[in-house]
Amino acid sequence: MFGDFNLRAEVVNGVCPTCNFNTVLVSISRDCFRCITCGSDLKQHVNGKISYIPQVNNPEQIRFEAPKNG
């Protein structure tokens, strides 16, 4: 009915930068993972160590906030 296709998911442990929990991350594509705790989509970067960074689909929606003092 759907033809032949190869479906493969990778499950890894990691710290989600969005919710800061040590959690399970499930691959939704080759280098994109989803946190099972908060549902955040993360992009995997390998730079000597593996880092998970929140994925941004629309760069115009990025907000930078200064930390509040006091």
Protein backbone atom coordinates (compact mmCIF):
# COMPACT_ATOMS: atom_id res chain seq x y z
CA MET A 1 0.00 0.00 0.00
CA PHE A 2 2.72 2.51 1.00
CA GLY A 3 5.60 0.84 -0.83
CA ASP A 4 8.98 0.06 0.65
CA PHE A 5 10.45 2.55 3.08
CA ASN A 6 13.04 2.44 5.82
CA LEU A 7 11.99 3.88 9.16
CA ARG A 8 14.62 4.17 11.87
CA ALA A 9 14.53 6.17 15.11
CA GLU A 10 17.44 6.84 17.42
CA VAL A 11 16.89 7.20 21.15
CA VAL A 12 19.60 8.92 23.24
CA ASN A 13 20.00 10.28 26.75
CA GLY A 14 20.92 13.93 27.12
CA VAL A 15 20.25 17.21 28.87
CA CYS A 16 17.60 19.30 27.13
CA PRO A 17 18.69 22.97 26.95
CA THR A 18 15.05 24.09 26.97
CA CYS A 19 13.79 22.38 30.15
CA ASN A 20 17.22 21.59 31.71
CA PHE A 21 16.22 18.00 32.53
CA ASN A 22 18.36 14.93 31.99
CA THR A 23 15.94 13.20 29.63
CA VAL A 24 15.46 10.92 26.64
CA LEU A 25 15.73 12.47 23.18
CA VAL A 26 14.13 10.75 20.16
CA SER A 27 15.31 11.41 16.61
CA ILE A 28 12.74 12.83 14.22
CA SER A 29 15.27 13.15 11.40
CA ARG A 30 19.00 12.46 10.94
CA ASP A 31 20.22 15.37 13.10
CA CYS A 32 17.00 16.61 14.74
CA PHE A 33 15.74 15.27 18.08
CA ARG A 34 12.66 15.87 20.25
CA CYS A 35 12.76 16.03 24.05
CA ILE A 36 10.19 13.66 25.54
CA THR A 37 9.90 15.83 28.68
CA CYS A 38 8.98 19.21 27.17
CA GLY A 39 8.52 18.39 23.45
CA SER A 40 11.16 20.86 22.28
CA ASP A 41 12.80 20.20 18.90
CA LEU A 42 16.59 20.18 19.12
CA LYS A 43 19.29 20.15 16.46
CA GLN A 44 22.29 17.95 17.13
CA HIS A 45 25.72 19.56 16.67
CA VAL A 46 28.93 17.54 16.84
CA ASN A 47 31.94 19.74 17.65
CA GLY A 48 34.27 17.47 19.59
CA LYS A 49 31.27 16.75 21.82
CA ILE A 50 27.60 16.33 21.02
CA SER A 51 25.46 19.36 21.84
CA TYR A 52 21.72 19.73 21.48
CA ILE A 53 20.57 23.24 20.60
CA PRO A 54 16.94 24.40 20.26
CA GLN A 55 15.94 24.40 16.62
CA VAL A 56 14.60 27.65 15.17
CA ASN A 57 12.33 27.41 12.13
CA ASN A 58 11.79 31.17 11.78
CA PRO A 59 14.82 33.35 12.71
CA GLU A 60 12.54 36.42 12.94
CA GLN A 61 10.94 34.91 16.06
CA ILE A 62 14.21 34.90 18.06
CA ARG A 63 14.12 37.16 21.12
CA PHE A 64 17.17 38.18 23.09
CA GLU A 65 16.54 39.08 26.72
CA ALA A 66 19.03 40.67 29.08
CA PRO A 67 19.31 38.99 32.50
CA LYS A 68 17.58 40.86 35.28
CA ASN A 69 19.91 42.15 38.00
CA GLY A 70 18.87 41.92 41.61
